[in-house]
Amino acid sequence: MKLVALVGSPRKGGNTDTLLQKVAEGFSSQGGETQTFYLNDLNLRGCQACYACKKTGQCVVKDDTAEIFKAINAADAVVIGSPIYFGRFTAQLALVMDRLFAYLKPDFSSSLAPGKKYGLVFAQNQPDPKLYAGCIDGVAQVLGRVGFAAGAKPLVGSGLGAADAALQNEQYLQAAAALGKELAAANKE
């Protein structure tokens, strides 16, 4: 079993990264392998709306997204994490989300291997975990549209104002590890 983690936060060691590391630990504890991509460290470009992917079957933009796609294709599950800034996920994650368009064939069916699961992790300063539900639901809709199988309930770390607040919140740390275990169990079925 393989899990790919996409860290949409610009902060290594911040709340999103901490929670995604716990997801990876939970997945690994069930015998799975994990690979993490720190999107802020990569050379990523936005979708160019060239539709070349509909002719060639893959995105033709030459950047680090090719490595992300290669890892996703080899993985059984993907976990995506981002802080919520100004009511939405980060620009780093937006670049990758837009490029997932390449997984749609010319007839807009998916080229992604069936049954690939996903998990979502979001961190926010606001205390109301439902405040940005529309943003989170939008990410889930895109993932479903490109062919990912419905994942677990998103983990929303709310009230995490300080960059290290997740490290102090045992409830969120345990929930993240449980998400990793759930993704692993879903792939053993």
C-alpha atoms as a PDB file:
ATOM      1  CA  MET A   1       0.000   0.000   0.000  1.00  0.00           C
ATOM      2  CA  LYS A   2       1.177   3.481  -0.834  1.00  0.00           C
ATOM      3  CA  LEU A   3       0.014   6.899   0.333  1.00  0.00           C
ATOM      4  CA  VAL A   4       0.955  10.226  -1.243  1.00  0.00           C
ATOM      5  CA  ALA A   5       0.695  13.316   0.977  1.00  0.00           C
ATOM      6  CA  LEU A   6       0.440  16.743  -0.651  1.00  0.00           C
ATOM      7  CA  VAL A   7       1.332  19.518   1.785  1.00  0.00           C
ATOM      8  CA  GLY A   8      -0.214  22.761   0.537  1.00  0.00           C
ATOM      9  CA  SER A   9       1.195  24.850   3.369  1.00  0.00           C
ATOM     10  CA  PRO A  10       4.231  27.072   2.913  1.00  0.00           C
ATOM     11  CA  ARG A  11       5.255  26.233   6.507  1.00  0.00           C
ATOM     12  CA  LYS A  12       7.206  23.054   7.117  1.00  0.00           C
ATOM     13  CA  GLY A  13       6.482  21.932  10.649  1.00  0.00           C
ATOM     14  CA  GLY A  14       3.322  24.046  10.798  1.00  0.00           C
ATOM     15  CA  ASN A  15      -0.149  22.796  11.650  1.00  0.00           C
ATOM     16  CA  THR A  16      -0.995  21.319   8.247  1.00  0.00           C
ATOM     17  CA  ASP A  17       2.370  19.583   7.960  1.00  0.00           C
ATOM     18  CA  THR A  18       2.099  18.242  11.520  1.00  0.00           C
ATOM     19  CA  LEU A  19      -1.339  16.776  10.876  1.00  0.00           C
ATOM     20  CA  LEU A  20      -0.304  15.271   7.531  1.00  0.00           C
ATOM     21  CA  GLN A  21       2.733  13.688   9.184  1.00  0.00           C
ATOM     22  CA  LYS A  22       0.361  12.067  11.680  1.00  0.00           C
ATOM     23  CA  VAL A  23      -1.826  10.791   8.831  1.00  0.00           C
ATOM     24  CA  ALA A  24       1.301   9.289   7.247  1.00  0.00           C
ATOM     25  CA  GLU A  25       2.302   7.710  10.567  1.00  0.00           C
ATOM     26  CA  GLY A  26      -1.154   6.153  10.905  1.00  0.00           C
ATOM     27  CA  PHE A  27      -0.926   4.781   7.361  1.00  0.00           C
ATOM     28  CA  SER A  28       2.606   3.468   7.940  1.00  0.00           C
ATOM     29  CA  SER A  29       1.532   1.784  11.184  1.00  0.00           C
ATOM     30  CA  GLN A  30      -0.691  -0.452   9.044  1.00  0.00           C
ATOM     31  CA  GLY A  31       2.206  -1.533   6.832  1.00  0.00           C
ATOM     32  CA  GLY A  32       1.913   1.169   4.189  1.00  0.00           C
ATOM     33  CA  GLU A  33       4.560   3.287   2.497  1.00  0.00           C
ATOM     34  CA  THR A  34       4.265   7.060   2.298  1.00  0.00           C
ATOM     35  CA  GLN A  35       5.675   9.809   0.122  1.00  0.00           C
ATOM     36  CA  THR A  36       5.298  13.498   0.936  1.00  0.00           C
ATOM     37  CA  PHE A  37       5.403  16.432  -1.459  1.00  0.00           C
ATOM     38  CA  TYR A  38       5.907  19.926  -0.062  1.00  0.00           C
ATOM     39  CA  LEU A  39       4.217  21.916  -2.811  1.00  0.00           C
ATOM     40  CA  ASN A  40       5.894  25.174  -1.796  1.00  0.00           C
ATOM     41  CA  ASP A  41       9.308  23.644  -2.540  1.00  0.00           C
ATOM     42  CA  LEU A  42       8.383  22.497  -6.034  1.00  0.00           C
ATOM     43  CA  ASN A  43       8.452  24.148  -9.436  1.00  0.00           C
ATOM     44  CA  LEU A  44       4.721  24.236 -10.222  1.00  0.00           C
ATOM     45  CA  ARG A  45       2.813  26.089 -12.916  1.00  0.00           C
ATOM     46  CA  GLY A  46      -0.900  26.525 -13.324  1.00  0.00           C
ATOM     47  CA  CYS A  47      -3.002  24.815 -15.974  1.00  0.00           C
ATOM     48  CA  GLN A  48      -2.409  26.482 -19.346  1.00  0.00           C
ATOM     49  CA  ALA A  49      -5.871  25.558 -20.722  1.00  0.00           C
ATOM     50  CA  CYS A  50      -4.133  24.139 -23.795  1.00  0.00           C
ATOM     51  CA  TYR A  51      -6.168  20.905 -23.770  1.00  0.00           C
ATOM     52  CA  ALA A  52      -3.078  18.979 -24.863  1.00  0.00           C
ATOM     53  CA  CYS A  53      -3.852  16.477 -22.099  1.00  0.00           C
ATOM     54  CA  LYS A  54      -7.015  15.565 -23.986  1.00  0.00           C
ATOM     55  CA  LYS A  55      -4.907  14.650 -27.024  1.00  0.00           C
ATOM     56  CA  THR A  56      -1.863  13.054 -25.378  1.00  0.00           C
ATOM     57  CA  GLY A  57      -3.434  11.596 -22.222  1.00  0.00           C
ATOM     58  CA  GLN A  58      -1.126  13.538 -19.950  1.00  0.00           C
ATOM     59  CA  CYS A  59      -0.272  17.085 -19.012  1.00  0.00           C
ATOM     60  CA  VAL A  60       2.403  18.508 -21.309  1.00  0.00           C
ATOM     61  CA  VAL A  61       3.499  21.347 -19.014  1.00  0.00           C
ATOM     62  CA  LYS A  62       7.054  20.563 -17.936  1.00  0.00           C
ATOM     63  CA  ASP A  63       7.373  21.069 -14.192  1.00  0.00           C
ATOM     64  CA  ASP A  64       7.331  19.068 -10.955  1.00  0.00           C
ATOM     65  CA  THR A  65       3.663  18.173 -11.312  1.00  0.00           C
ATOM     66  CA  ALA A  66       4.822  15.256 -13.467  1.00  0.00           C
ATOM     67  CA  GLU A  67       6.475  13.723 -10.367  1.00  0.00           C
ATOM     68  CA  ILE A  68       3.307  14.269  -8.333  1.00  0.00           C
ATOM     69  CA  PHE A  69       1.205  12.557 -11.020  1.00  0.00           C
ATOM     70  CA  LYS A  70       3.679   9.673 -11.210  1.00  0.00           C
ATOM     71  CA  ALA A  71       3.404   9.196  -7.438  1.00  0.00           C
ATOM     72  CA  ILE A  72      -0.408   9.481  -7.481  1.00  0.00           C
ATOM     73  CA  ASN A  73      -0.604   6.891 -10.242  1.00  0.00           C
ATOM     74  CA  ALA A  74       1.474   4.456  -8.182  1.00  0.00           C
ATOM     75  CA  ALA A  75      -0.366   5.159  -4.914  1.00  0.00           C
ATOM     76  CA  ASP A  76      -3.439   3.558  -3.410  1.00  0.00           C
ATOM     77  CA  ALA A  77      -4.451   6.703  -1.554  1.00  0.00           C
ATOM     78  CA  VAL A  78      -3.749  10.418  -1.494  1.00  0.00           C
ATOM     79  CA  VAL A  79      -4.084  12.814   1.415  1.00  0.00           C
ATOM     80  CA  ILE A  80      -4.226  16.511   0.666  1.00  0.00           C
ATOM     81  CA  GLY A  81      -3.685  19.177   3.277  1.00  0.00           C
ATOM     82  CA  SER A  82      -3.812  22.939   3.332  1.00  0.00           C
ATOM     83  CA  PRO A  83      -4.298  25.760   5.746  1.00  0.00           C
ATOM     84  CA  ILE A  84      -7.309  27.944   5.065  1.00  0.00           C
ATOM     85  CA  TYR A  85      -6.054  31.441   4.219  1.00  0.00           C
ATOM     86  CA  PHE A  86      -8.564  34.174   3.394  1.00  0.00           C
ATOM     87  CA  GLY A  87     -11.401  31.669   3.166  1.00  0.00           C
ATOM     88  CA  ARG A  88      -9.784  29.169   0.814  1.00  0.00           C
ATOM     89  CA  PHE A  89      -6.951  26.694   0.403  1.00  0.00           C
ATOM     90  CA  THR A  90      -3.485  27.942  -0.544  1.00  0.00           C
ATOM     91  CA  ALA A  91      -2.297  29.025  -3.966  1.00  0.00           C
ATOM     92  CA  GLN A  92       0.266  26.199  -3.864  1.00  0.00           C
ATOM     93  CA  LEU A  93      -2.537  23.653  -3.647  1.00  0.00           C
ATOM     94  CA  ALA A  94      -4.619  25.488  -6.258  1.00  0.00           C
ATOM     95  CA  LEU A  95      -1.871  24.906  -8.829  1.00  0.00           C
ATOM     96  CA  VAL A  96      -2.067  21.148  -8.315  1.00  0.00           C
ATOM     97  CA  MET A  97      -5.861  21.035  -8.072  1.00  0.00           C
ATOM     98  CA  ASP A  98      -6.205  22.788 -11.427  1.00  0.00           C
ATOM     99  CA  ARG A  99      -3.710  20.464 -13.053  1.00  0.00           C
ATOM    100  CA  LEU A 100      -5.772  17.407 -12.027  1.00  0.00           C
ATOM    101  CA  PHE A 101      -7.801  18.294 -15.121  1.00  0.00           C
ATOM    102  CA  ALA A 102      -5.254  16.164 -16.986  1.00  0.00           C
ATOM    103  CA  TYR A 103      -6.866  13.043 -15.451  1.00  0.00           C
ATOM    104  CA  LEU A 104      -9.990  13.648 -17.534  1.00  0.00           C
ATOM    105  CA  LYS A 105     -10.103  12.017 -20.965  1.00  0.00           C
ATOM    106  CA  PRO A 106     -11.520  13.812 -24.017  1.00  0.00           C
ATOM    107  CA  ASP A 107     -15.000  12.508 -23.113  1.00  0.00           C
ATOM    108  CA  PHE A 108     -14.371  13.746 -19.527  1.00  0.00           C
ATOM    109  CA  SER A 109     -14.326  10.270 -18.044  1.00  0.00           C
ATOM    110  CA  SER A 110     -11.451   9.596 -15.678  1.00  0.00           C
ATOM    111  CA  SER A 111      -8.109   8.064 -16.589  1.00  0.00           C
ATOM    112  CA  LEU A 112      -7.281   7.569 -12.893  1.00  0.00           C
ATOM    113  CA  ALA A 113      -7.136   3.952 -11.749  1.00  0.00           C
ATOM    114  CA  PRO A 114     -10.461   3.087 -10.090  1.00  0.00           C
ATOM    115  CA  GLY A 115     -10.774   2.849  -6.329  1.00  0.00           C
ATOM    116  CA  LYS A 116      -8.027   5.316  -5.430  1.00  0.00           C
ATOM    117  CA  LYS A 117      -9.017   6.797  -2.039  1.00  0.00           C
ATOM    118  CA  TYR A 118      -8.384  10.270  -0.706  1.00  0.00           C
ATOM    119  CA  GLY A 119      -8.300  12.082   2.604  1.00  0.00           C
ATOM    120  CA  LEU A 120      -8.436  15.806   3.328  1.00  0.00           C
ATOM    121  CA  VAL A 121      -6.803  17.775   6.134  1.00  0.00           C
ATOM    122  CA  PHE A 122      -7.348  21.478   6.678  1.00  0.00           C
ATOM    123  CA  ALA A 123      -6.047  23.780   9.404  1.00  0.00           C
ATOM    124  CA  GLN A 124      -7.581  27.117  10.246  1.00  0.00           C
ATOM    125  CA  ASN A 125      -7.399  29.812  12.875  1.00  0.00           C
ATOM    126  CA  GLN A 126     -11.167  30.226  13.017  1.00  0.00           C
ATOM    127  CA  PRO A 127     -12.819  28.178  15.789  1.00  0.00           C
ATOM    128  CA  ASP A 128     -15.878  27.120  13.767  1.00  0.00           C
ATOM    129  CA  PRO A 129     -14.947  23.937  11.843  1.00  0.00           C
ATOM    130  CA  LYS A 130     -17.881  24.454   9.443  1.00  0.00           C
ATOM    131  CA  LEU A 131     -16.990  28.033   8.519  1.00  0.00           C
ATOM    132  CA  TYR A 132     -15.153  27.076   5.314  1.00  0.00           C
ATOM    133  CA  ALA A 133     -17.136  23.939   4.485  1.00  0.00           C
ATOM    134  CA  GLY A 134     -17.792  25.236   0.962  1.00  0.00           C
ATOM    135  CA  CYS A 135     -14.077  25.433   0.223  1.00  0.00           C
ATOM    136  CA  ILE A 136     -13.482  21.956   1.597  1.00  0.00           C
ATOM    137  CA  ASP A 137     -16.469  20.516  -0.259  1.00  0.00           C
ATOM    138  CA  GLY A 138     -15.111  22.079  -3.454  1.00  0.00           C
ATOM    139  CA  VAL A 139     -11.844  20.165  -3.097  1.00  0.00           C
ATOM    140  CA  ALA A 140     -13.776  16.935  -2.526  1.00  0.00           C
ATOM    141  CA  GLN A 141     -15.919  17.611  -5.604  1.00  0.00           C
ATOM    142  CA  VAL A 142     -12.875  18.102  -7.817  1.00  0.00           C
ATOM    143  CA  LEU A 143     -11.296  14.894  -6.526  1.00  0.00           C
ATOM    144  CA  GLY A 144     -14.500  12.971  -7.149  1.00  0.00           C
ATOM    145  CA  ARG A 145     -14.844  14.489 -10.609  1.00  0.00           C
ATOM    146  CA  VAL A 146     -11.385  13.329 -11.679  1.00  0.00           C
ATOM    147  CA  GLY A 147     -12.020   9.802 -10.410  1.00  0.00           C
ATOM    148  CA  PHE A 148     -10.940   9.488  -6.791  1.00  0.00           C
ATOM    149  CA  ALA A 149     -13.152   7.277  -4.638  1.00  0.00           C
ATOM    150  CA  ALA A 150     -14.930   8.989  -1.767  1.00  0.00           C
ATOM    151  CA  GLY A 151     -12.610   9.398   1.139  1.00  0.00           C
ATOM    152  CA  ALA A 152     -13.058   9.688   4.848  1.00  0.00           C
ATOM    153  CA  LYS A 153     -14.679  12.667   6.482  1.00  0.00           C
ATOM    154  CA  PRO A 154     -12.301  15.658   6.161  1.00  0.00           C
ATOM    155  CA  LEU A 155     -10.244  16.515   9.215  1.00  0.00           C
ATOM    156  CA  VAL A 156     -10.631  20.213   9.981  1.00  0.00           C
ATOM    157  CA  GLY A 157      -8.240  21.484  12.619  1.00  0.00           C
ATOM    158  CA  SER A 158     -10.067  24.611  13.754  1.00  0.00           C
ATOM    159  CA  GLY A 159      -8.806  27.154  16.237  1.00  0.00           C
ATOM    160  CA  LEU A 160      -5.182  26.499  15.278  1.00  0.00           C
ATOM    161  CA  GLY A 161      -3.860  30.066  15.268  1.00  0.00           C
ATOM    162  CA  ALA A 162      -0.251  29.534  16.315  1.00  0.00           C
ATOM    163  CA  ALA A 163       1.987  27.731  13.815  1.00  0.00           C
ATOM    164  CA  ASP A 164       2.611  24.912  16.307  1.00  0.00           C
ATOM    165  CA  ALA A 165      -0.902  24.667  17.795  1.00  0.00           C
ATOM    166  CA  ALA A 166      -1.570  21.239  16.255  1.00  0.00           C
ATOM    167  CA  LEU A 167       1.372  19.800  18.205  1.00  0.00           C
ATOM    168  CA  GLN A 168      -0.451  20.765  21.408  1.00  0.00           C
ATOM    169  CA  ASN A 169      -3.827  19.327  20.378  1.00  0.00           C
ATOM    170  CA  GLU A 170      -3.983  15.628  21.153  1.00  0.00           C
ATOM    171  CA  GLN A 171      -7.506  15.330  19.725  1.00  0.00           C
ATOM    172  CA  TYR A 172      -6.381  16.485  16.269  1.00  0.00           C
ATOM    173  CA  LEU A 173      -3.193  14.418  16.378  1.00  0.00           C
ATOM    174  CA  GLN A 174      -5.196  11.286  17.172  1.00  0.00           C
ATOM    175  CA  ALA A 175      -7.799  12.107  14.516  1.00  0.00           C
ATOM    176  CA  ALA A 176      -5.035  12.515  11.923  1.00  0.00           C
ATOM    177  CA  ALA A 177      -3.452   9.172  12.820  1.00  0.00           C
ATOM    178  CA  ALA A 178      -6.914   7.563  12.661  1.00  0.00           C
ATOM    179  CA  LEU A 179      -7.426   9.045   9.180  1.00  0.00           C
ATOM    180  CA  GLY A 180      -4.187   7.413   8.034  1.00  0.00           C
ATOM    181  CA  LYS A 181      -5.289   4.072   9.479  1.00  0.00           C
ATOM    182  CA  GLU A 182      -8.697   4.439   7.809  1.00  0.00           C
ATOM    183  CA  LEU A 183      -7.093   5.089   4.422  1.00  0.00           C
ATOM    184  CA  ALA A 184      -4.886   2.026   4.887  1.00  0.00           C
ATOM    185  CA  ALA A 185      -7.828  -0.158   5.925  1.00  0.00           C
ATOM    186  CA  ALA A 186      -9.830   0.985   2.899  1.00  0.00           C
ATOM    187  CA  ASN A 187      -7.033  -0.273   0.676  1.00  0.00           C
ATOM    188  CA  LYS A 188      -6.845  -3.673   2.358  1.00  0.00           C
ATOM    189  CA  GLU A 189     -10.457  -4.429   1.427  1.00  0.00           C
END
